[in-house]
Amino acid sequence: MNIASPGVLGRIAASRSQTLVLALGVCLGLATVAVGKARAADELSGADKLATLYSAEFRFTQDGVPVVPIAVAQSARTVEIEAGADLRLLPEGEGGPEIRAGNAWRIHASRTRGAKLRFWVVVFRGSAREGKEAAQALALWEKRGQKARRFERGTLFAVSGEVLDRREILVGVAPQGDARAAEKKQQELATRQGLEPKGVFAELVERPGGLLHAEGRHGGARVSNEGVLWFASADPRPLRVSWTTAKGRGEGRYHGQVYVTVGRDGGLAVVNAVPANQMLAGLVPAEIFPSAPDHALRAQAVAARGELLAKVGTRHEGEPFRLCAEVHCQVYAGAAAETPRTTAAVEATRGEILFTREGRQLVDTVYSASCGGHTEHNENVWLGTSPHPPLRGHRDHAPRRDDPYADGVPESLVERYLTVPPPSYCGLARQQGGNDRFRWTVRRSAAEMDRLLGPFKIGALRAIEILGRGVSGRAHTVRVVGSAGREEIRGELRIRKAFGGLRSSLFVVDVAGGGATFRGGGFGHGVGMCQTGAIGMAEAQKSYREILGHYYRDSAIRKLW
């Protein structure tokens, strides 16, 4: 059989440096191709192609733009990929064998297995420069009789002569078999050892795996490969991708390449490997109103670009991608979400990144929908993190003379602050995205509170006590008191989730009859840029540089590509 026959497989091309093992069979006129091991042609193909999917290293385009692998779907059962022209199937990645057999493939997997993970209680978290301190923490906890280990995560890479070191050193102790057990162990150590919670780290013990099968919808070609299959369009148009999960069906259109592999839960992960500028074109309109003023869009583009570089390697341990397309990383909606105005904002700020003014440290340009009038210190939201100078909480407006909130929102003034808010850019913005962002009220019935607080086993709710607030008035530690016990909840996001997904943890609460009424302000964690405030500043004719300088103090923009 002529394997290059267009009537069977279209075209199979292999680079001269490779040896490709093809096992061909014919059944009812259908061709089956099993791709065996082949020598790597680039960093994302070859014998250890699967290992590189878990690496925090960056690839770059020929003009120096980072390529980011971002998961657009997880836990999928089947995946369908289409292209406007021929669809290139690349079993070993770019530079390896190439198969063309029409413009549509359907992918499923067999013999799949999930990842094996080990969960460690983090007792030390520091930068790559703090190796000595990490060693001391390791020795201390080993002396206390705990099994301890040092981990490193994050990235170290160079762009345009700039070396960006985003590595983080962790020391973990008391490994557990699942995340819930590790969280309980963390609480136990906090009580017995006075441990300040610093989170849980998931160590990948064994990668997930399985055999992937792709079936051509036109011509009947079939290709199988262990672990991963890559796809790319033969023309510049984006790929059309759809998938099914236990929850239903999803779809999207994506530039760049798409690979399908096995995620740590044993389901299929659909990953878009896309240059950063094209990713941001599909991310910015999903994170901020595309109708926002131009300079608010530009500020969002710079902030999102910095977040992209800051988060790679620090999210999704044990997963074959760097970032997800959800709020946990940044919301990414692909080519379908692109608008001319947001794409223009990305291009107008191409390659611009925020750095600390006095050094070469990358600013962690986090942002939230609405700060409610006052931003927050990063360490008050993400407990256990070190204070980051550009992320100091402050008023979202120039304080007036004798302003009672010039140095923060104290416990004694939180209710007044919520009831009679002072002027702020987010409060004055004409474009709010609803009337429940800046100030809001949420009521939870006794039945709802019983359900929400059931895991804590405290019985009927009697009281909610605020034990600690940040500089913006956001609660970071609360105690829930019930008829059968009490429990402390630490962490801004955990507090919001515990009470049914509150807009923020900036609230006062009244408990009556087992139910609760929350009166609050803001939408999100409040650290870094306030997106609604950025809109308000742009409406006040502030430039994107002024907006970024307001929210990330002592920072400077530098162009890296």
Foldseek 3Di string as FASTA:
>chain_A
DPPCDLLAWPHKDFDPQKDWDWDWDADPRHIETETDFMDDPDQCFGDVNQVSLQDLDWDADPVQFTWFKAFADAQFAKKKKFDPWWKWKAAGDPNGITITRHGMKMKGWPPWDFFFKKKFFWQAKAFPVPPVVLVVVQVVVVVVVWDKDKDKWADWDDFQRATAGLIMITMTTDIDRDQVVNVVVNVVCCVVVVGFGQGMDIATPGAIWTKMWMFDPHSTYIYIYIFKMKMAYPDQFWMWMKTAHPVGIDIATAGAMWMWGAWNRRGITIIHGGGPLQQQLQFLVVQAPLPFDLQLLLLSLQLLSLLSNNQFGVDDNSTSGGYYCDVVRGPGGHPVRGDPSSSVSSVVCPQKFKDFQVDSHGDNQDEFAALLFKFFFPCLFNPPDDTDQQWHIAGQDPADVVRPLRQAQDPVCLVVCQVPPDDHLLVPFPDNPDPDFNKHKDKFDLVRLCVLCVVVVQAQWDDKAQPDATRHQFGQWIKTHHPRGIDIDGHFVRVCVSNPRDQTRSWDWDDDPSMIMTIGGHGDDRTFQHSSSSSSVVVVVDGSQVRNCVRRPNMDMDRRD
